[in-house]
Amino acid sequence: MSKKMKRQISEYSKVRAEFLEENPNCQFKGCNKKADSIHHIKGRGIYLLKKETFMAVCHHHHVIIEHNPEWSYEHGYSLSRLNKQ
């Protein structure tokens, strides 16, 4: 693993922990379970450290979002990477 990637992972771990502390409950509509995952609504890549593209979710709902991409886009749980807003 490159030094750059190690730095990014280290920084992401800190940002992730902060976000989950600030957002302890699953943000999936109708769920109030403890959030234990971060869903990157625009994917990772250049958005890896951008909290505005994070969504705190429980494992169950993260699986639903990730395994149903079309449904996730339709319901706003995932957004196009091409839209820079």
PDB file of N, CA and C in Angstrom:
ATOM      1  N   MET A   1       0.840  -1.174   0.000  1.00  0.00           N
ATOM      2  CA  MET A   1       0.000   0.000   0.000  1.00  0.00           C
ATOM      3  C   MET A   1       0.888   1.241   0.000  1.00  0.00           C
ATOM      4  N   SER A   2       0.518   2.201  -0.808  1.00  0.00           N
ATOM      5  CA  SER A   2       1.328   3.414  -0.916  1.00  0.00           C
ATOM      6  C   SER A   2       1.215   4.268   0.347  1.00  0.00           C
ATOM      7  N   LYS A   3       2.194   5.152   0.535  1.00  0.00           N
ATOM      8  CA  LYS A   3       2.170   6.070   1.677  1.00  0.00           C
ATOM      9  C   LYS A   3       0.961   6.986   1.596  1.00  0.00           C
ATOM     10  N   LYS A   4       0.644   7.425   0.373  1.00  0.00           N
ATOM     11  CA  LYS A   4      -0.516   8.300   0.174  1.00  0.00           C
ATOM     12  C   LYS A   4      -1.799   7.589   0.606  1.00  0.00           C
ATOM     13  N   MET A   5      -1.960   6.338   0.207  1.00  0.00           N
ATOM     14  CA  MET A   5      -3.152   5.578   0.564  1.00  0.00           C
ATOM     15  C   MET A   5      -3.220   5.355   2.073  1.00  0.00           C
ATOM     16  N   LYS A   6      -2.089   5.075   2.699  1.00  0.00           N
ATOM     17  CA  LYS A   6      -2.057   4.895   4.164  1.00  0.00           C
ATOM     18  C   LYS A   6      -2.510   6.171   4.869  1.00  0.00           C
ATOM     19  N   ARG A   7      -2.069   7.329   4.376  1.00  0.00           N
ATOM     20  CA  ARG A   7      -2.482   8.619   4.959  1.00  0.00           C
ATOM     21  C   ARG A   7      -3.980   8.823   4.792  1.00  0.00           C
ATOM     22  N   GLN A   8      -4.490   8.519   3.592  1.00  0.00           N
ATOM     23  CA  GLN A   8      -5.921   8.686   3.339  1.00  0.00           C
ATOM     24  C   GLN A   8      -6.754   7.784   4.244  1.00  0.00           C
ATOM     25  N   ILE A   9      -6.353   6.565   4.401  1.00  0.00           N
ATOM     26  CA  ILE A   9      -7.086   5.626   5.252  1.00  0.00           C
ATOM     27  C   ILE A   9      -7.044   6.089   6.702  1.00  0.00           C
ATOM     28  N   SER A  10      -5.896   6.564   7.144  1.00  0.00           N
ATOM     29  CA  SER A  10      -5.767   7.067   8.511  1.00  0.00           C
ATOM     30  C   SER A  10      -6.677   8.274   8.732  1.00  0.00           C
ATOM     31  N   GLU A  11      -6.666   9.199   7.789  1.00  0.00           N
ATOM     32  CA  GLU A  11      -7.514  10.384   7.898  1.00  0.00           C
ATOM     33  C   GLU A  11      -8.991   9.998   7.821  1.00  0.00           C
ATOM     34  N   TYR A  12      -9.335   9.066   6.921  1.00  0.00           N
ATOM     35  CA  TYR A  12     -10.718   8.618   6.790  1.00  0.00           C
ATOM     36  C   TYR A  12     -11.214   7.980   8.085  1.00  0.00           C
ATOM     37  N   SER A  13     -10.374   7.206   8.732  1.00  0.00           N
ATOM     38  CA  SER A  13     -10.769   6.563   9.992  1.00  0.00           C
ATOM     39  C   SER A  13     -11.186   7.606  11.021  1.00  0.00           C
ATOM     40  N   LYS A  14     -10.460   8.703  11.091  1.00  0.00           N
ATOM     41  CA  LYS A  14     -10.779   9.778  12.032  1.00  0.00           C
ATOM     42  C   LYS A  14     -12.083  10.481  11.649  1.00  0.00           C
ATOM     43  N   VAL A  15     -12.222  10.825  10.368  1.00  0.00           N
ATOM     44  CA  VAL A  15     -13.421  11.524   9.882  1.00  0.00           C
ATOM     45  C   VAL A  15     -14.650  10.628  10.053  1.00  0.00           C
ATOM     46  N   ARG A  16     -14.496   9.348   9.763  1.00  0.00           N
ATOM     47  CA  ARG A  16     -15.590   8.382   9.910  1.00  0.00           C
ATOM     48  C   ARG A  16     -16.050   8.311  11.357  1.00  0.00           C
ATOM     49  N   ALA A  17     -15.111   8.188  12.285  1.00  0.00           N
ATOM     50  CA  ALA A  17     -15.446   8.107  13.708  1.00  0.00           C
ATOM     51  C   ALA A  17     -16.165   9.366  14.176  1.00  0.00           C
ATOM     52  N   GLU A  18     -15.678  10.530  13.746  1.00  0.00           N
ATOM     53  CA  GLU A  18     -16.322  11.802  14.100  1.00  0.00           C
ATOM     54  C   GLU A  18     -17.751  11.845  13.563  1.00  0.00           C
ATOM     55  N   PHE A  19     -17.926  11.437  12.307  1.00  0.00           N
ATOM     56  CA  PHE A  19     -19.254  11.488  11.694  1.00  0.00           C
ATOM     57  C   PHE A  19     -20.229  10.565  12.418  1.00  0.00           C
ATOM     58  N   LEU A  20     -19.786   9.354  12.744  1.00  0.00           N
ATOM     59  CA  LEU A  20     -20.672   8.421  13.441  1.00  0.00           C
ATOM     60  C   LEU A  20     -20.978   8.898  14.863  1.00  0.00           C
ATOM     61  N   GLU A  21     -20.049   9.605  15.484  1.00  0.00           N
ATOM     62  CA  GLU A  21     -20.311  10.164  16.806  1.00  0.00           C
ATOM     63  C   GLU A  21     -21.358  11.281  16.704  1.00  0.00           C
ATOM     64  N   GLU A  22     -21.255  12.092  15.658  1.00  0.00           N
ATOM     65  CA  GLU A  22     -22.201  13.188  15.430  1.00  0.00           C
ATOM     66  C   GLU A  22     -23.560  12.680  14.940  1.00  0.00           C
ATOM     67  N   ASN A  23     -23.579  11.506  14.319  1.00  0.00           N
ATOM     68  CA  ASN A  23     -24.788  10.926  13.726  1.00  0.00           C
ATOM     69  C   ASN A  23     -24.913   9.473  14.188  1.00  0.00           C
ATOM     70  N   PRO A  24     -25.308   9.259  15.435  1.00  0.00           N
ATOM     71  CA  PRO A  24     -25.282   7.901  15.991  1.00  0.00           C
ATOM     72  C   PRO A  24     -26.389   6.973  15.502  1.00  0.00           C
ATOM     73  N   ASN A  25     -27.447   7.528  14.895  1.00  0.00           N
ATOM     74  CA  ASN A  25     -28.565   6.694  14.450  1.00  0.00           C
ATOM     75  C   ASN A  25     -28.602   6.559  12.937  1.00  0.00           C
ATOM     76  N   CYS A  26     -29.110   5.426  12.485  1.00  0.00           N
ATOM     77  CA  CYS A  26     -29.253   5.146  11.059  1.00  0.00           C
ATOM     78  C   CYS A  26     -30.132   6.222  10.423  1.00  0.00           C
ATOM     79  N   GLN A  27     -29.681   6.758   9.302  1.00  0.00           N
ATOM     80  CA  GLN A  27     -30.392   7.821   8.601  1.00  0.00           C
ATOM     81  C   GLN A  27     -31.296   7.296   7.490  1.00  0.00           C
ATOM     82  N   PHE A  28     -31.459   5.980   7.421  1.00  0.00           N
ATOM     83  CA  PHE A  28     -32.392   5.374   6.476  1.00  0.00           C
ATOM     84  C   PHE A  28     -33.793   5.679   6.976  1.00  0.00           C
ATOM     85  N   LYS A  29     -34.662   6.145   6.083  1.00  0.00           N
ATOM     86  CA  LYS A  29     -36.012   6.557   6.466  1.00  0.00           C
ATOM     87  C   LYS A  29     -36.731   5.456   7.253  1.00  0.00           C
ATOM     88  N   GLY A  30     -37.201   5.833   8.443  1.00  0.00           N
ATOM     89  CA  GLY A  30     -37.965   4.918   9.281  1.00  0.00           C
ATOM     90  C   GLY A  30     -37.136   4.053  10.214  1.00  0.00           C
ATOM     91  N   CYS A  31     -35.826   4.148  10.137  1.00  0.00           N
ATOM     92  CA  CYS A  31     -34.958   3.342  11.004  1.00  0.00           C
ATOM     93  C   CYS A  31     -34.378   4.228  12.098  1.00  0.00           C
ATOM     94  N   ASN A  32     -34.248   3.675  13.261  1.00  0.00           N
ATOM     95  CA  ASN A  32     -33.636   4.423  14.360  1.00  0.00           C
ATOM     96  C   ASN A  32     -32.591   3.567  15.081  1.00  0.00           C
ATOM     97  N   LYS A  33     -32.109   2.532  14.384  1.00  0.00           N
ATOM     98  CA  LYS A  33     -31.073   1.671  14.963  1.00  0.00           C
ATOM     99  C   LYS A  33     -29.755   2.432  15.043  1.00  0.00           C
ATOM    100  N   LYS A  34     -28.826   1.884  15.791  1.00  0.00           N
ATOM    101  CA  LYS A  34     -27.490   2.467  15.900  1.00  0.00           C
ATOM    102  C   LYS A  34     -26.785   2.349  14.547  1.00  0.00           C
ATOM    103  N   ALA A  35     -26.234   3.451  14.095  1.00  0.00           N
ATOM    104  CA  ALA A  35     -25.465   3.452  12.849  1.00  0.00           C
ATOM    105  C   ALA A  35     -24.077   2.875  13.115  1.00  0.00           C
ATOM    106  N   ASP A  36     -23.640   1.994  12.246  1.00  0.00           N
ATOM    107  CA  ASP A  36     -22.304   1.417  12.385  1.00  0.00           C
ATOM    108  C   ASP A  36     -21.521   1.466  11.071  1.00  0.00           C
ATOM    109  N   SER A  37     -22.133   2.075  10.057  1.00  0.00           N
ATOM    110  CA  SER A  37     -21.501   2.152   8.742  1.00  0.00           C
ATOM    111  C   SER A  37     -21.686   3.538   8.148  1.00  0.00           C
ATOM    112  N   ILE A  38     -20.833   3.836   7.207  1.00  0.00           N
ATOM    113  CA  ILE A  38     -20.959   5.064   6.421  1.00  0.00           C
ATOM    114  C   ILE A  38     -21.274   4.654   4.994  1.00  0.00           C
ATOM    115  N   HIS A  39     -22.377   5.173   4.470  1.00  0.00           N
ATOM    116  CA  HIS A  39     -22.677   5.001   3.048  1.00  0.00           C
ATOM    117  C   HIS A  39     -22.214   6.284   2.370  1.00  0.00           C
ATOM    118  N   HIS A  40     -21.419   6.142   1.336  1.00  0.00           N
ATOM    119  CA  HIS A  40     -20.929   7.285   0.569  1.00  0.00           C
ATOM    120  C   HIS A  40     -21.909   7.495  -0.578  1.00  0.00           C
ATOM    121  N   ILE A  41     -22.781   8.498  -0.450  1.00  0.00           N
ATOM    122  CA  ILE A  41     -23.868   8.649  -1.412  1.00  0.00           C
ATOM    123  C   ILE A  41     -23.385   8.979  -2.823  1.00  0.00           C
ATOM    124  N   LYS A  42     -22.165   9.463  -2.951  1.00  0.00           N
ATOM    125  CA  LYS A  42     -21.577   9.719  -4.275  1.00  0.00           C
ATOM    126  C   LYS A  42     -20.383   8.801  -4.534  1.00  0.00           C
ATOM    127  N   GLY A  43     -20.270   7.750  -3.768  1.00  0.00           N
ATOM    128  CA  GLY A  43     -19.124   6.859  -3.901  1.00  0.00           C
ATOM    129  C   GLY A  43     -17.951   7.410  -3.099  1.00  0.00           C
ATOM    130  N   ARG A  44     -16.844   6.722  -3.140  1.00  0.00           N
ATOM    131  CA  ARG A  44     -15.678   7.164  -2.369  1.00  0.00           C
ATOM    132  C   ARG A  44     -14.819   8.071  -3.240  1.00  0.00           C
ATOM    133  N   GLY A  45     -13.784   7.579  -3.834  1.00  0.00           N
ATOM    134  CA  GLY A  45     -12.949   8.396  -4.718  1.00  0.00           C
ATOM    135  C   GLY A  45     -12.666   9.772  -4.160  1.00  0.00           C
ATOM    136  N   ILE A  46     -12.992  10.806  -4.930  1.00  0.00           N
ATOM    137  CA  ILE A  46     -12.725  12.187  -4.499  1.00  0.00           C
ATOM    138  C   ILE A  46     -13.620  12.618  -3.345  1.00  0.00           C
ATOM    139  N   TYR A  47     -14.651  11.826  -3.040  1.00  0.00           N
ATOM    140  CA  TYR A  47     -15.583  12.163  -1.960  1.00  0.00           C
ATOM    141  C   TYR A  47     -15.264  11.431  -0.654  1.00  0.00           C
ATOM    142  N   LEU A  48     -14.175  10.704  -0.615  1.00  0.00           N
ATOM    143  CA  LEU A  48     -13.846   9.865   0.540  1.00  0.00           C
ATOM    144  C   LEU A  48     -13.904  10.612   1.865  1.00  0.00           C
ATOM    145  N   LEU A  49     -13.443  11.846   1.908  1.00  0.00           N
ATOM    146  CA  LEU A  49     -13.352  12.589   3.169  1.00  0.00           C
ATOM    147  C   LEU A  49     -14.399  13.698   3.290  1.00  0.00           C
ATOM    148  N   LYS A  50     -15.340  13.752   2.371  1.00  0.00           N
ATOM    149  CA  LYS A  50     -16.334  14.830   2.363  1.00  0.00           C
ATOM    150  C   LYS A  50     -17.589  14.394   3.131  1.00  0.00           C
ATOM    151  N   LYS A  51     -17.704  14.879   4.361  1.00  0.00           N
ATOM    152  CA  LYS A  51     -18.822  14.488   5.219  1.00  0.00           C
ATOM    153  C   LYS A  51     -20.181  14.781   4.597  1.00  0.00           C
ATOM    154  N   GLU A  52     -20.251  15.802   3.741  1.00  0.00           N
ATOM    155  CA  GLU A  52     -21.540  16.134   3.128  1.00  0.00           C
ATOM    156  C   GLU A  52     -22.033  15.041   2.184  1.00  0.00           C
ATOM    157  N   THR A  53     -21.166  14.082   1.854  1.00  0.00           N
ATOM    158  CA  THR A  53     -21.581  12.957   1.015  1.00  0.00           C
ATOM    159  C   THR A  53     -21.693  11.664   1.824  1.00  0.00           C
ATOM    160  N   PHE A  54     -21.672  11.778   3.138  1.00  0.00           N
ATOM    161  CA  PHE A  54     -21.795  10.621   4.024  1.00  0.00           C
ATOM    162  C   PHE A  54     -23.245  10.439   4.452  1.00  0.00           C
ATOM    163  N   MET A  55     -23.586   9.207   4.752  1.00  0.00           N
ATOM    164  CA  MET A  55     -24.870   8.879   5.349  1.00  0.00           C
ATOM    165  C   MET A  55     -24.602   7.796   6.383  1.00  0.00           C
ATOM    166  N   ALA A  56     -24.998   8.059   7.630  1.00  0.00           N
ATOM    167  CA  ALA A  56     -24.824   7.077   8.698  1.00  0.00           C
ATOM    168  C   ALA A  56     -25.929   6.031   8.565  1.00  0.00           C
ATOM    169  N   VAL A  57     -25.554   4.771   8.508  1.00  0.00           N
ATOM    170  CA  VAL A  57     -26.537   3.698   8.355  1.00  0.00           C
ATOM    171  C   VAL A  57     -26.171   2.486   9.202  1.00  0.00           C
ATOM    172  N   CYS A  58     -27.197   1.704   9.508  1.00  0.00           N
ATOM    173  CA  CYS A  58     -26.948   0.416  10.161  1.00  0.00           C
ATOM    174  C   CYS A  58     -26.509  -0.567   9.070  1.00  0.00           C
ATOM    175  N   HIS A  59     -25.924  -1.667   9.472  1.00  0.00           N
ATOM    176  CA  HIS A  59     -25.422  -2.636   8.501  1.00  0.00           C
ATOM    177  C   HIS A  59     -26.549  -3.132   7.582  1.00  0.00           C
ATOM    178  N   HIS A  60     -27.697  -3.436   8.150  1.00  0.00           N
ATOM    179  CA  HIS A  60     -28.828  -3.961   7.380  1.00  0.00           C
ATOM    180  C   HIS A  60     -29.200  -3.023   6.226  1.00  0.00           C
ATOM    181  N   HIS A  61     -29.340  -1.742   6.516  1.00  0.00           N
ATOM    182  CA  HIS A  61     -29.743  -0.801   5.471  1.00  0.00           C
ATOM    183  C   HIS A  61     -28.602  -0.487   4.505  1.00  0.00           C
ATOM    184  N   HIS A  62     -27.380  -0.576   4.968  1.00  0.00           N
ATOM    185  CA  HIS A  62     -26.249  -0.376   4.049  1.00  0.00           C
ATOM    186  C   HIS A  62     -26.250  -1.471   2.983  1.00  0.00           C
ATOM    187  N   VAL A  63     -26.525  -2.690   3.386  1.00  0.00           N
ATOM    188  CA  VAL A  63     -26.598  -3.802   2.433  1.00  0.00           C
ATOM    189  C   VAL A  63     -27.721  -3.558   1.425  1.00  0.00           C
ATOM    190  N   ILE A  64     -28.882  -3.120   1.908  1.00  0.00           N
ATOM    191  CA  ILE A  64     -30.008  -2.844   1.003  1.00  0.00           C
ATOM    192  C   ILE A  64     -29.626  -1.774  -0.019  1.00  0.00           C
ATOM    193  N   ILE A  65     -29.027  -0.697   0.447  1.00  0.00           N
ATOM    194  CA  ILE A  65     -28.626   0.400  -0.445  1.00  0.00           C
ATOM    195  C   ILE A  65     -27.612  -0.089  -1.485  1.00  0.00           C
ATOM    196  N   GLU A  66     -26.596  -0.793  -1.026  1.00  0.00           N
ATOM    197  CA  GLU A  66     -25.519  -1.231  -1.922  1.00  0.00           C
ATOM    198  C   GLU A  66     -25.970  -2.289  -2.928  1.00  0.00           C
ATOM    199  N   HIS A  67     -26.896  -3.153  -2.544  1.00  0.00           N
ATOM    200  CA  HIS A  67     -27.326  -4.234  -3.434  1.00  0.00           C
ATOM    201  C   HIS A  67     -28.492  -3.853  -4.345  1.00  0.00           C
ATOM    202  N   ASN A  68     -28.995  -2.636  -4.208  1.00  0.00           N
ATOM    203  CA  ASN A  68     -30.119  -2.168  -5.024  1.00  0.00           C
ATOM    204  C   ASN A  68     -29.820  -0.783  -5.572  1.00  0.00           C
ATOM    205  N   PRO A  69     -28.825  -0.663  -6.459  1.00  0.00           N
ATOM    206  CA  PRO A  69     -28.390   0.661  -6.912  1.00  0.00           C
ATOM    207  C   PRO A  69     -29.472   1.487  -7.603  1.00  0.00           C
ATOM    208  N   GLU A  70     -30.270   0.885  -8.466  1.00  0.00           N
ATOM    209  CA  GLU A  70     -31.314   1.665  -9.142  1.00  0.00           C
ATOM    210  C   GLU A  70     -32.317   2.208  -8.130  1.00  0.00           C
ATOM    211  N   TRP A  71     -32.755   1.361  -7.221  1.00  0.00           N
ATOM    212  CA  TRP A  71     -33.693   1.764  -6.176  1.00  0.00           C
ATOM    213  C   TRP A  71     -33.070   2.866  -5.314  1.00  0.00           C
ATOM    214  N   SER A  72     -31.798   2.734  -4.993  1.00  0.00           N
ATOM    215  CA  SER A  72     -31.098   3.718  -4.163  1.00  0.00           C
ATOM    216  C   SER A  72     -31.043   5.085  -4.832  1.00  0.00           C
ATOM    217  N   TYR A  73     -30.808   5.112  -6.144  1.00  0.00           N
ATOM    218  CA  TYR A  73     -30.824   6.386  -6.880  1.00  0.00           C
ATOM    219  C   TYR A  73     -32.225   6.984  -6.888  1.00  0.00           C
ATOM    220  N   GLU A  74     -33.224   6.155  -7.129  1.00  0.00           N
ATOM    221  CA  GLU A  74     -34.610   6.626  -7.178  1.00  0.00           C
ATOM    222  C   GLU A  74     -35.067   7.231  -5.846  1.00  0.00           C
ATOM    223  N   HIS A  75     -34.560   6.697  -4.746  1.00  0.00           N
ATOM    224  CA  HIS A  75     -34.989   7.138  -3.421  1.00  0.00           C
ATOM    225  C   HIS A  75     -34.008   8.101  -2.739  1.00  0.00           C
ATOM    226  N   GLY A  76     -32.978   8.522  -3.469  1.00  0.00           N
ATOM    227  CA  GLY A  76     -32.062   9.527  -2.957  1.00  0.00           C
ATOM    228  C   GLY A  76     -30.982   9.025  -2.012  1.00  0.00           C
ATOM    229  N   TYR A  77     -30.810   7.709  -1.929  1.00  0.00           N
ATOM    230  CA  TYR A  77     -29.763   7.163  -1.066  1.00  0.00           C
ATOM    231  C   TYR A  77     -28.411   7.114  -1.775  1.00  0.00           C
ATOM    232  N   SER A  78     -28.423   7.283  -3.078  1.00  0.00           N
ATOM    233  CA  SER A  78     -27.200   7.386  -3.870  1.00  0.00           C
ATOM    234  C   SER A  78     -27.390   8.487  -4.896  1.00  0.00           C
ATOM    235  N   LEU A  79     -26.316   9.209  -5.173  1.00  0.00           N
ATOM    236  CA  LEU A  79     -26.351  10.308  -6.136  1.00  0.00           C
ATOM    237  C   LEU A  79     -25.261  10.114  -7.172  1.00  0.00           C
ATOM    238  N   SER A  80     -25.479  10.669  -8.342  1.00  0.00           N
ATOM    239  CA  SER A  80     -24.505  10.566  -9.429  1.00  0.00           C
ATOM    240  C   SER A  80     -23.216  11.286  -9.052  1.00  0.00           C
ATOM    241  N   ARG A  81     -22.109  10.701  -9.396  1.00  0.00           N
ATOM    242  CA  ARG A  81     -20.809  11.329  -9.203  1.00  0.00           C
ATOM    243  C   ARG A  81     -20.597  12.458 -10.204  1.00  0.00           C
ATOM    244  N   LEU A  82     -21.356  12.432 -11.293  1.00  0.00           N
ATOM    245  CA  LEU A  82     -21.202  13.434 -12.336  1.00  0.00           C
ATOM    246  C   LEU A  82     -21.779  14.780 -11.931  1.00  0.00           C
ATOM    247  N   ASN A  83     -22.754  14.771 -11.044  1.00  0.00           N
ATOM    248  CA  ASN A  83     -23.341  16.018 -10.536  1.00  0.00           C
ATOM    249  C   ASN A  83     -22.423  16.530  -9.435  1.00  0.00           C
ATOM    250  N   LYS A  84     -21.724  17.613  -9.668  1.00  0.00           N
ATOM    251  CA  LYS A  84     -20.707  18.115  -8.738  1.00  0.00           C
ATOM    252  C   LYS A  84     -21.283  18.895  -7.559  1.00  0.00           C
ATOM    253  N   GLN A  85     -22.583  18.987  -7.442  1.00  0.00           N
ATOM    254  CA  GLN A  85     -23.184  19.730  -6.328  1.00  0.00           C
ATOM    255  C   GLN A  85     -23.114  18.942  -5.053  1.00  0.00           C
TER     256      GLN A  85
END
